[in-house]
Amino acid sequence: MGEHDWQDDAACRNDGDPDAWFAGPGESQRQAHAVEVCLGCPVRARCLEEALTLGLAGVWGATSERERRRMRHGLVDA
């Protein structure tokens, strides 16, 4: 099994709007949609772990970049 095989099971792979995970300012509805899809994802925890480890941009593991930055600095619980 490869290092990123967990992504094959990600809910976002079946969503019709891949850009929602990288929504820009003023696109809060798109970002909210991405988070909603993530909340029901079977690999959410692994996805969040990857994003925290690698400092990825966008929505990963049902969190925004800002939320993960706060997690890394111990400002919120994961």
C-alpha atoms as a PDB file:
ATOM      1  CA  MET A   1       0.000   0.000   0.000  1.00  0.00           C
ATOM      2  CA  GLY A   2       1.416   3.372  -0.999  1.00  0.00           C
ATOM      3  CA  GLU A   3       1.987   6.392   1.199  1.00  0.00           C
ATOM      4  CA  HIS A   4      -1.044   8.293  -0.134  1.00  0.00           C
ATOM      5  CA  ASP A   5      -3.451   5.403  -0.791  1.00  0.00           C
ATOM      6  CA  TRP A   6      -5.707   6.727   1.978  1.00  0.00           C
ATOM      7  CA  GLN A   7      -6.677   9.507  -0.453  1.00  0.00           C
ATOM      8  CA  ASP A   8      -8.443   6.938  -2.627  1.00  0.00           C
ATOM      9  CA  ASP A   9     -11.111   6.697   0.105  1.00  0.00           C
ATOM     10  CA  ALA A  10     -11.512  10.463   0.569  1.00  0.00           C
ATOM     11  CA  ALA A  11     -15.033  11.863   0.185  1.00  0.00           C
ATOM     12  CA  CYS A  12     -13.699  14.845  -1.766  1.00  0.00           C
ATOM     13  CA  ARG A  13     -12.646  12.576  -4.638  1.00  0.00           C
ATOM     14  CA  ASN A  14     -16.329  12.169  -5.532  1.00  0.00           C
ATOM     15  CA  ASP A  15     -17.375  15.798  -5.129  1.00  0.00           C
ATOM     16  CA  GLY A  16     -18.142  17.868  -8.207  1.00  0.00           C
ATOM     17  CA  ASP A  17     -16.326  21.035  -7.078  1.00  0.00           C
ATOM     18  CA  PRO A  18     -12.633  20.342  -6.399  1.00  0.00           C
ATOM     19  CA  ASP A  19     -11.918  24.081  -6.254  1.00  0.00           C
ATOM     20  CA  ALA A  20     -14.072  24.368  -3.120  1.00  0.00           C
ATOM     21  CA  TRP A  21     -11.156  23.015  -1.085  1.00  0.00           C
ATOM     22  CA  PHE A  22      -9.070  25.983  -2.189  1.00  0.00           C
ATOM     23  CA  ALA A  23     -11.734  28.707  -2.037  1.00  0.00           C
ATOM     24  CA  GLY A  24     -10.419  32.236  -1.824  1.00  0.00           C
ATOM     25  CA  PRO A  25     -11.592  35.282   0.103  1.00  0.00           C
ATOM     26  CA  GLY A  26     -15.306  35.917  -0.349  1.00  0.00           C
ATOM     27  CA  GLU A  27     -15.999  32.276  -1.162  1.00  0.00           C
ATOM     28  CA  SER A  28     -17.172  31.213   2.281  1.00  0.00           C
ATOM     29  CA  GLN A  29     -20.074  29.157   0.881  1.00  0.00           C
ATOM     30  CA  ARG A  30     -17.663  27.078  -1.199  1.00  0.00           C
ATOM     31  CA  GLN A  31     -15.398  26.571   1.802  1.00  0.00           C
ATOM     32  CA  ALA A  32     -18.390  25.632   3.975  1.00  0.00           C
ATOM     33  CA  HIS A  33     -19.373  23.045   1.363  1.00  0.00           C
ATOM     34  CA  ALA A  34     -15.878  21.536   1.487  1.00  0.00           C
ATOM     35  CA  VAL A  35     -15.945  21.344   5.282  1.00  0.00           C
ATOM     36  CA  GLU A  36     -19.385  19.687   5.182  1.00  0.00           C
ATOM     37  CA  VAL A  37     -18.111  17.002   2.787  1.00  0.00           C
ATOM     38  CA  CYS A  38     -15.049  16.484   4.989  1.00  0.00           C
ATOM     39  CA  LEU A  39     -17.102  16.004   8.147  1.00  0.00           C
ATOM     40  CA  GLY A  40     -18.513  12.755   6.785  1.00  0.00           C
ATOM     41  CA  CYS A  41     -15.252  11.511   5.297  1.00  0.00           C
ATOM     42  CA  PRO A  42     -13.892   8.120   6.422  1.00  0.00           C
ATOM     43  CA  VAL A  43     -10.269   9.327   6.199  1.00  0.00           C
ATOM     44  CA  ARG A  44     -10.774  12.737   7.812  1.00  0.00           C
ATOM     45  CA  ALA A  45      -8.294  12.137  10.664  1.00  0.00           C
ATOM     46  CA  ARG A  46      -5.542  10.948   8.297  1.00  0.00           C
ATOM     47  CA  CYS A  47      -6.199  13.910   6.026  1.00  0.00           C
ATOM     48  CA  LEU A  48      -5.930  16.361   8.918  1.00  0.00           C
ATOM     49  CA  GLU A  49      -2.730  14.701  10.098  1.00  0.00           C
ATOM     50  CA  GLU A  50      -1.209  15.102   6.625  1.00  0.00           C
ATOM     51  CA  ALA A  51      -2.215  18.760   6.419  1.00  0.00           C
ATOM     52  CA  LEU A  52      -0.802  19.538   9.862  1.00  0.00           C
ATOM     53  CA  THR A  53       2.445  17.727   9.097  1.00  0.00           C
ATOM     54  CA  LEU A  54       3.021  19.218   5.660  1.00  0.00           C
ATOM     55  CA  GLY A  55       1.468  22.673   6.137  1.00  0.00           C
ATOM     56  CA  LEU A  56      -0.908  22.223   3.205  1.00  0.00           C
ATOM     57  CA  ALA A  57      -3.085  25.011   1.804  1.00  0.00           C
ATOM     58  CA  GLY A  58      -6.862  24.779   1.564  1.00  0.00           C
ATOM     59  CA  VAL A  59      -9.449  22.737   3.451  1.00  0.00           C
ATOM     60  CA  TRP A  60      -8.124  19.410   4.734  1.00  0.00           C
ATOM     61  CA  GLY A  61      -9.671  17.207   7.423  1.00  0.00           C
ATOM     62  CA  ALA A  62     -12.612  19.629   7.744  1.00  0.00           C
ATOM     63  CA  THR A  63     -10.327  22.484   8.822  1.00  0.00           C
ATOM     64  CA  SER A  64      -9.173  25.689   7.200  1.00  0.00           C
ATOM     65  CA  GLU A  65      -5.566  26.826   6.973  1.00  0.00           C
ATOM     66  CA  ARG A  66      -6.243  29.293   9.791  1.00  0.00           C
ATOM     67  CA  GLU A  67      -7.694  26.597  12.046  1.00  0.00           C
ATOM     68  CA  ARG A  68      -4.687  24.346  11.457  1.00  0.00           C
ATOM     69  CA  ARG A  69      -2.278  27.209  12.109  1.00  0.00           C
ATOM     70  CA  ARG A  70      -3.997  27.739  15.459  1.00  0.00           C
ATOM     71  CA  MET A  71      -3.757  23.990  16.185  1.00  0.00           C
ATOM     72  CA  ARG A  72      -0.029  23.980  15.449  1.00  0.00           C
ATOM     73  CA  HIS A  73       0.467  26.880  17.835  1.00  0.00           C
ATOM     74  CA  GLY A  74      -1.591  25.175  20.557  1.00  0.00           C
ATOM     75  CA  LEU A  75      -4.375  27.743  20.429  1.00  0.00           C
ATOM     76  CA  VAL A  76      -7.195  25.202  19.932  1.00  0.00           C
ATOM     77  CA  ASP A  77      -7.706  21.496  20.465  1.00  0.00           C
ATOM     78  CA  ALA A  78      -7.562  19.235  17.399  1.00  0.00           C
END
